[in-house]
Amino acid sequence: MGHNMGLDYATYAKRGFLLGLALFLFGALGAIVASRIGPFPGWERTLLSDSMILGFSLGFISVFGFGIVLPLTD
């Protein structure tokens, strides 16, 4: 199916990894900066921790999905 659609798996894997890395760094650096500023609301802490988890997951899923699994099934 992917062969007929002409998907560029390497590009999707790289962009997905970079998006995941950006989300992870946003969450990590935001948590560091927010902890130095002082107390901050719970929703901000949840937003930063969720972005770290989502970024980490997206980075691994895109690399394994678009970089390994889908090219093998093509």
PDB file of N, CA and C in Angstrom:
ATOM      1  N   MET A   1       0.826  -1.180   0.000  1.00  0.00           N
ATOM      2  CA  MET A   1       0.000   0.000   0.000  1.00  0.00           C
ATOM      3  C   MET A   1       0.877   1.253   0.000  1.00  0.00           C
ATOM      4  N   GLY A   2       1.936   1.282   0.793  1.00  0.00           N
ATOM      5  CA  GLY A   2       2.809   2.439   0.846  1.00  0.00           C
ATOM      6  C   GLY A   2       3.571   2.647  -0.449  1.00  0.00           C
ATOM      7  N   HIS A   3       3.813   1.562  -1.176  1.00  0.00           N
ATOM      8  CA  HIS A   3       4.548   1.668  -2.431  1.00  0.00           C
ATOM      9  C   HIS A   3       3.762   2.477  -3.454  1.00  0.00           C
ATOM     10  N   ASN A   4       2.475   2.296  -3.485  1.00  0.00           N
ATOM     11  CA  ASN A   4       1.638   3.034  -4.434  1.00  0.00           C
ATOM     12  C   ASN A   4       1.452   4.486  -4.013  1.00  0.00           C
ATOM     13  N   MET A   5       1.539   4.760  -2.727  1.00  0.00           N
ATOM     14  CA  MET A   5       1.320   6.117  -2.245  1.00  0.00           C
ATOM     15  C   MET A   5       2.584   6.967  -2.339  1.00  0.00           C
ATOM     16  N   GLY A   6       3.738   6.361  -2.479  1.00  0.00           N
ATOM     17  CA  GLY A   6       4.982   7.109  -2.620  1.00  0.00           C
ATOM     18  C   GLY A   6       5.399   7.845  -1.364  1.00  0.00           C
ATOM     19  N   LEU A   7       5.280   7.213  -0.203  1.00  0.00           N
ATOM     20  CA  LEU A   7       5.659   7.856   1.048  1.00  0.00           C
ATOM     21  C   LEU A   7       7.172   7.857   1.216  1.00  0.00           C
ATOM     22  N   ASP A   8       7.686   8.946   1.732  1.00  0.00           N
ATOM     23  CA  ASP A   8       9.110   9.056   2.027  1.00  0.00           C
ATOM     24  C   ASP A   8       9.279   8.786   3.525  1.00  0.00           C
ATOM     25  N   TYR A   9       9.556   7.528   3.859  1.00  0.00           N
ATOM     26  CA  TYR A   9       9.609   7.118   5.260  1.00  0.00           C
ATOM     27  C   TYR A   9      10.729   7.816   6.025  1.00  0.00           C
ATOM     28  N   ALA A  10      11.859   8.043   5.395  1.00  0.00           N
ATOM     29  CA  ALA A  10      12.983   8.681   6.088  1.00  0.00           C
ATOM     30  C   ALA A  10      12.631  10.100   6.509  1.00  0.00           C
ATOM     31  N   THR A  11      11.952  10.826   5.658  1.00  0.00           N
ATOM     32  CA  THR A  11      11.560  12.194   5.997  1.00  0.00           C
ATOM     33  C   THR A  11      10.560  12.216   7.146  1.00  0.00           C
ATOM     34  N   TYR A  12       9.576  11.312   7.099  1.00  0.00           N
ATOM     35  CA  TYR A  12       8.605  11.246   8.190  1.00  0.00           C
ATOM     36  C   TYR A  12       9.258  10.843   9.502  1.00  0.00           C
ATOM     37  N   ALA A  13      10.209   9.929   9.449  1.00  0.00           N
ATOM     38  CA  ALA A  13      10.905   9.506  10.664  1.00  0.00           C
ATOM     39  C   ALA A  13      11.715  10.656  11.250  1.00  0.00           C
ATOM     40  N   LYS A  14      12.433  11.387  10.409  1.00  0.00           N
ATOM     41  CA  LYS A  14      13.249  12.505  10.894  1.00  0.00           C
ATOM     42  C   LYS A  14      12.386  13.619  11.464  1.00  0.00           C
ATOM     43  N   ARG A  15      11.339  13.968  10.751  1.00  0.00           N
ATOM     44  CA  ARG A  15      10.476  15.062  11.226  1.00  0.00           C
ATOM     45  C   ARG A  15       9.717  14.677  12.486  1.00  0.00           C
ATOM     46  N   GLY A  16       9.275  13.438  12.569  1.00  0.00           N
ATOM     47  CA  GLY A  16       8.602  12.977  13.784  1.00  0.00           C
ATOM     48  C   GLY A  16       9.533  12.968  14.978  1.00  0.00           C
ATOM     49  N   PHE A  17      10.777  12.532  14.758  1.00  0.00           N
ATOM     50  CA  PHE A  17      11.752  12.541  15.839  1.00  0.00           C
ATOM     51  C   PHE A  17      12.059  13.968  16.287  1.00  0.00           C
ATOM     52  N   LEU A  18      12.231  14.874  15.341  1.00  0.00           N
ATOM     53  CA  LEU A  18      12.526  16.257  15.701  1.00  0.00           C
ATOM     54  C   LEU A  18      11.356  16.931  16.416  1.00  0.00           C
ATOM     55  N   LEU A  19      10.139  16.603  16.016  1.00  0.00           N
ATOM     56  CA  LEU A  19       8.973  17.134  16.721  1.00  0.00           C
ATOM     57  C   LEU A  19       8.907  16.585  18.135  1.00  0.00           C
ATOM     58  N   GLY A  20       9.164  15.302  18.291  1.00  0.00           N
ATOM     59  CA  GLY A  20       9.192  14.712  19.628  1.00  0.00           C
ATOM     60  C   GLY A  20      10.287  15.308  20.491  1.00  0.00           C
ATOM     61  N   LEU A  21      11.446  15.536  19.904  1.00  0.00           N
ATOM     62  CA  LEU A  21      12.551  16.154  20.641  1.00  0.00           C
ATOM     63  C   LEU A  21      12.196  17.573  21.068  1.00  0.00           C
ATOM     64  N   ALA A  22      11.546  18.316  20.183  1.00  0.00           N
ATOM     65  CA  ALA A  22      11.146  19.685  20.520  1.00  0.00           C
ATOM     66  C   ALA A  22      10.129  19.695  21.663  1.00  0.00           C
ATOM     67  N   LEU A  23       9.170  18.778  21.629  1.00  0.00           N
ATOM     68  CA  LEU A  23       8.194  18.699  22.715  1.00  0.00           C
ATOM     69  C   LEU A  23       8.863  18.322  24.029  1.00  0.00           C
ATOM     70  N   PHE A  24       9.780  17.365  23.964  1.00  0.00           N
ATOM     71  CA  PHE A  24      10.478  16.944  25.176  1.00  0.00           C
ATOM     72  C   PHE A  24      11.299  18.093  25.758  1.00  0.00           C
ATOM     73  N   LEU A  25      12.031  18.801  24.914  1.00  0.00           N
ATOM     74  CA  LEU A  25      12.847  19.918  25.402  1.00  0.00           C
ATOM     75  C   LEU A  25      11.990  21.058  25.942  1.00  0.00           C
ATOM     76  N   PHE A  26      10.841  21.291  25.308  1.00  0.00           N
ATOM     77  CA  PHE A  26       9.914  22.313  25.815  1.00  0.00           C
ATOM     78  C   PHE A  26       9.472  21.976  27.230  1.00  0.00           C
ATOM     79  N   GLY A  27       9.106  20.724  27.442  1.00  0.00           N
ATOM     80  CA  GLY A  27       8.660  20.315  28.768  1.00  0.00           C
ATOM     81  C   GLY A  27       9.773  20.330  29.794  1.00  0.00           C
ATOM     82  N   ALA A  28      10.950  19.834  29.424  1.00  0.00           N
ATOM     83  CA  ALA A  28      12.062  19.761  30.364  1.00  0.00           C
ATOM     84  C   ALA A  28      12.578  21.149  30.732  1.00  0.00           C
ATOM     85  N   LEU A  29      12.816  21.977  29.731  1.00  0.00           N
ATOM     86  CA  LEU A  29      13.319  23.323  30.012  1.00  0.00           C
ATOM     87  C   LEU A  29      12.265  24.176  30.710  1.00  0.00           C
ATOM     88  N   GLY A  30      11.011  23.981  30.344  1.00  0.00           N
ATOM     89  CA  GLY A  30       9.944  24.714  31.026  1.00  0.00           C
ATOM     90  C   GLY A  30       9.834  24.338  32.489  1.00  0.00           C
ATOM     91  N   ALA A  31      10.023  23.066  32.805  1.00  0.00           N
ATOM     92  CA  ALA A  31       9.968  22.634  34.199  1.00  0.00           C
ATOM     93  C   ALA A  31      11.144  23.198  34.991  1.00  0.00           C
ATOM     94  N   ILE A  32      12.309  23.260  34.365  1.00  0.00           N
ATOM     95  CA  ILE A  32      13.482  23.821  35.052  1.00  0.00           C
ATOM     96  C   ILE A  32      13.291  25.307  35.321  1.00  0.00           C
ATOM     97  N   VAL A  33      12.834  26.028  34.309  1.00  0.00           N
ATOM     98  CA  VAL A  33      12.624  27.469  34.475  1.00  0.00           C
ATOM     99  C   VAL A  33      11.513  27.739  35.485  1.00  0.00           C
ATOM    100  N   ALA A  34      10.438  26.991  35.417  1.00  0.00           N
ATOM    101  CA  ALA A  34       9.319  27.215  36.337  1.00  0.00           C
ATOM    102  C   ALA A  34       9.692  26.888  37.776  1.00  0.00           C
ATOM    103  N   SER A  35      10.562  25.894  37.978  1.00  0.00           N
ATOM    104  CA  SER A  35      10.951  25.566  39.349  1.00  0.00           C
ATOM    105  C   SER A  35      11.844  26.649  39.948  1.00  0.00           C
ATOM    106  N   ARG A  36      12.586  27.362  39.115  1.00  0.00           N
ATOM    107  CA  ARG A  36      13.446  28.428  39.622  1.00  0.00           C
ATOM    108  C   ARG A  36      12.678  29.714  39.874  1.00  0.00           C
ATOM    109  N   ILE A  37      11.582  29.908  39.144  1.00  0.00           N
ATOM    110  CA  ILE A  37      10.786  31.126  39.333  1.00  0.00           C
ATOM    111  C   ILE A  37      10.034  31.072  40.657  1.00  0.00           C
ATOM    112  N   GLY A  38       9.485  29.920  40.963  1.00  0.00           N
ATOM    113  CA  GLY A  38       8.732  29.777  42.195  1.00  0.00           C
ATOM    114  C   GLY A  38       7.567  28.844  41.983  1.00  0.00           C
ATOM    115  N   PRO A  39       6.604  28.889  42.894  1.00  0.00           N
ATOM    116  CA  PRO A  39       5.443  27.992  42.757  1.00  0.00           C
ATOM    117  C   PRO A  39       4.603  28.368  41.533  1.00  0.00           C
ATOM    118  N   PHE A  40       4.109  27.371  40.857  1.00  0.00           N
ATOM    119  CA  PHE A  40       3.272  27.596  39.685  1.00  0.00           C
ATOM    120  C   PHE A  40       2.096  26.644  39.734  1.00  0.00           C
ATOM    121  N   PRO A  41       1.005  26.978  39.041  1.00  0.00           N
ATOM    122  CA  PRO A  41      -0.228  26.193  39.128  1.00  0.00           C
ATOM    123  C   PRO A  41      -0.047  24.750  38.667  1.00  0.00           C
ATOM    124  N   GLY A  42      -0.954  23.923  39.107  1.00  0.00           N
ATOM    125  CA  GLY A  42      -0.904  22.510  38.768  1.00  0.00           C
ATOM    126  C   GLY A  42      -1.103  22.226  37.300  1.00  0.00           C
ATOM    127  N   TRP A  43      -1.903  23.048  36.612  1.00  0.00           N
ATOM    128  CA  TRP A  43      -2.143  22.788  35.195  1.00  0.00           C
ATOM    129  C   TRP A  43      -0.878  23.028  34.379  1.00  0.00           C
ATOM    130  N   GLU A  44      -0.031  23.956  34.813  1.00  0.00           N
ATOM    131  CA  GLU A  44       1.231  24.175  34.109  1.00  0.00           C
ATOM    132  C   GLU A  44       2.180  23.000  34.308  1.00  0.00           C
ATOM    133  N   ARG A  45       2.221  22.493  35.523  1.00  0.00           N
ATOM    134  CA  ARG A  45       3.058  21.322  35.801  1.00  0.00           C
ATOM    135  C   ARG A  45       2.581  20.117  34.993  1.00  0.00           C
ATOM    136  N   THR A  46       1.262  19.957  34.882  1.00  0.00           N
ATOM    137  CA  THR A  46       0.699  18.867  34.090  1.00  0.00           C
ATOM    138  C   THR A  46       1.011  19.049  32.609  1.00  0.00           C
ATOM    139  N   LEU A  47       0.909  20.267  32.115  1.00  0.00           N
ATOM    140  CA  LEU A  47       1.212  20.553  30.712  1.00  0.00           C
ATOM    141  C   LEU A  47       2.662  20.231  30.378  1.00  0.00           C
ATOM    142  N   LEU A  48       3.577  20.624  31.249  1.00  0.00           N
ATOM    143  CA  LEU A  48       4.990  20.392  30.986  1.00  0.00           C
ATOM    144  C   LEU A  48       5.341  18.913  31.082  1.00  0.00           C
ATOM    145  N   SER A  49       4.800  18.213  32.063  1.00  0.00           N
ATOM    146  CA  SER A  49       5.112  16.781  32.180  1.00  0.00           C
ATOM    147  C   SER A  49       4.454  15.985  31.055  1.00  0.00           C
ATOM    148  N   ASP A  50       3.253  16.365  30.657  1.00  0.00           N
ATOM    149  CA  ASP A  50       2.607  15.673  29.537  1.00  0.00           C
ATOM    150  C   ASP A  50       3.339  15.916  28.221  1.00  0.00           C
ATOM    151  N   SER A  51       3.877  17.123  28.032  1.00  0.00           N
ATOM    152  CA  SER A  51       4.620  17.381  26.802  1.00  0.00           C
ATOM    153  C   SER A  51       5.922  16.587  26.779  1.00  0.00           C
ATOM    154  N   MET A  52       6.545  16.372  27.938  1.00  0.00           N
ATOM    155  CA  MET A  52       7.743  15.541  27.977  1.00  0.00           C
ATOM    156  C   MET A  52       7.410  14.093  27.634  1.00  0.00           C
ATOM    157  N   ILE A  53       6.335  13.583  28.188  1.00  0.00           N
ATOM    158  CA  ILE A  53       5.934  12.197  27.915  1.00  0.00           C
ATOM    159  C   ILE A  53       5.519  12.038  26.455  1.00  0.00           C
ATOM    160  N   LEU A  54       4.749  12.968  25.942  1.00  0.00           N
ATOM    161  CA  LEU A  54       4.307  12.907  24.551  1.00  0.00           C
ATOM    162  C   LEU A  54       5.484  13.039  23.587  1.00  0.00           C
ATOM    163  N   GLY A  55       6.420  13.914  23.886  1.00  0.00           N
ATOM    164  CA  GLY A  55       7.589  14.078  23.037  1.00  0.00           C
ATOM    165  C   GLY A  55       8.457  12.838  23.008  1.00  0.00           C
ATOM    166  N   PHE A  56       8.680  12.234  24.159  1.00  0.00           N
ATOM    167  CA  PHE A  56       9.467  11.008  24.230  1.00  0.00           C
ATOM    168  C   PHE A  56       8.784   9.888  23.453  1.00  0.00           C
ATOM    169  N   SER A  57       7.482   9.741  23.636  1.00  0.00           N
ATOM    170  CA  SER A  57       6.733   8.689  22.940  1.00  0.00           C
ATOM    171  C   SER A  57       6.707   8.929  21.434  1.00  0.00           C
ATOM    172  N   LEU A  58       6.471  10.152  21.028  1.00  0.00           N
ATOM    173  CA  LEU A  58       6.412  10.469  19.601  1.00  0.00           C
ATOM    174  C   LEU A  58       7.754  10.237  18.920  1.00  0.00           C
ATOM    175  N   GLY A  59       8.831  10.582  19.590  1.00  0.00           N
ATOM    176  CA  GLY A  59      10.152  10.359  19.021  1.00  0.00           C
ATOM    177  C   GLY A  59      10.429   8.885  18.768  1.00  0.00           C
ATOM    178  N   PHE A  60      10.121   8.035  19.736  1.00  0.00           N
ATOM    179  CA  PHE A  60      10.373   6.609  19.562  1.00  0.00           C
ATOM    180  C   PHE A  60       9.407   5.965  18.578  1.00  0.00           C
ATOM    181  N   ILE A  61       8.145   6.343  18.636  1.00  0.00           N
ATOM    182  CA  ILE A  61       7.162   5.737  17.739  1.00  0.00           C
ATOM    183  C   ILE A  61       7.445   6.112  16.291  1.00  0.00           C
ATOM    184  N   SER A  62       7.830   7.347  16.044  1.00  0.00           N
ATOM    185  CA  SER A  62       8.093   7.749  14.659  1.00  0.00           C
ATOM    186  C   SER A  62       9.333   7.063  14.108  1.00  0.00           C
ATOM    187  N   VAL A  63      10.367   6.908  14.914  1.00  0.00           N
ATOM    188  CA  VAL A  63      11.571   6.238  14.439  1.00  0.00           C
ATOM    189  C   VAL A  63      11.298   4.761  14.171  1.00  0.00           C
ATOM    190  N   PHE A  64      10.660   4.088  15.110  1.00  0.00           N
ATOM    191  CA  PHE A  64      10.396   2.665  14.917  1.00  0.00           C
ATOM    192  C   PHE A  64       9.306   2.421  13.883  1.00  0.00           C
ATOM    193  N   GLY A  65       8.305   3.279  13.851  1.00  0.00           N
ATOM    194  CA  GLY A  65       7.219   3.094  12.906  1.00  0.00           C
ATOM    195  C   GLY A  65       7.605   3.419  11.477  1.00  0.00           C
ATOM    196  N   PHE A  66       8.071   4.660  11.266  1.00  0.00           N
ATOM    197  CA  PHE A  66       8.395   5.099   9.911  1.00  0.00           C
ATOM    198  C   PHE A  66       9.791   4.679   9.471  1.00  0.00           C
ATOM    199  N   GLY A  67      10.680   4.431  10.414  1.00  0.00           N
ATOM    200  CA  GLY A  67      12.038   4.097  10.045  1.00  0.00           C
ATOM    201  C   GLY A  67      12.317   2.605   9.932  1.00  0.00           C
ATOM    202  N   ILE A  68      11.548   1.768  10.657  1.00  0.00           N
ATOM    203  CA  ILE A  68      11.841   0.334  10.672  1.00  0.00           C
ATOM    204  C   ILE A  68      10.663  -0.500  10.185  1.00  0.00           C
ATOM    205  N   VAL A  69       9.504  -0.341  10.797  1.00  0.00           N
ATOM    206  CA  VAL A  69       8.376  -1.245  10.540  1.00  0.00           C
ATOM    207  C   VAL A  69       7.750  -1.010   9.156  1.00  0.00           C
ATOM    208  N   LEU A  70       7.382   0.204   8.845  1.00  0.00           N
ATOM    209  CA  LEU A  70       6.704   0.454   7.573  1.00  0.00           C
ATOM    210  C   LEU A  70       7.562   0.163   6.334  1.00  0.00           C
ATOM    211  N   PRO A  71       8.845   0.494   6.329  1.00  0.00           N
ATOM    212  CA  PRO A  71       9.636   0.099   5.160  1.00  0.00           C
ATOM    213  C   PRO A  71       9.750  -1.416   4.989  1.00  0.00           C
ATOM    214  N   LEU A  72       9.714  -2.164   6.068  1.00  0.00           N
ATOM    215  CA  LEU A  72       9.769  -3.615   5.975  1.00  0.00           C
ATOM    216  C   LEU A  72       8.481  -4.217   5.412  1.00  0.00           C
ATOM    217  N   THR A  73       7.364  -3.560   5.668  1.00  0.00           N
ATOM    218  CA  THR A  73       6.078  -4.079   5.187  1.00  0.00           C
ATOM    219  C   THR A  73       5.788  -3.650   3.751  1.00  0.00           C
ATOM    220  N   ASP A  74       6.582  -2.745   3.238  1.00  0.00           N
ATOM    221  CA  ASP A  74       6.338  -2.228   1.883  1.00  0.00           C
ATOM    222  C   ASP A  74       6.760  -3.217   0.826  1.00  0.00           C
TER     223      ASP A  74
END
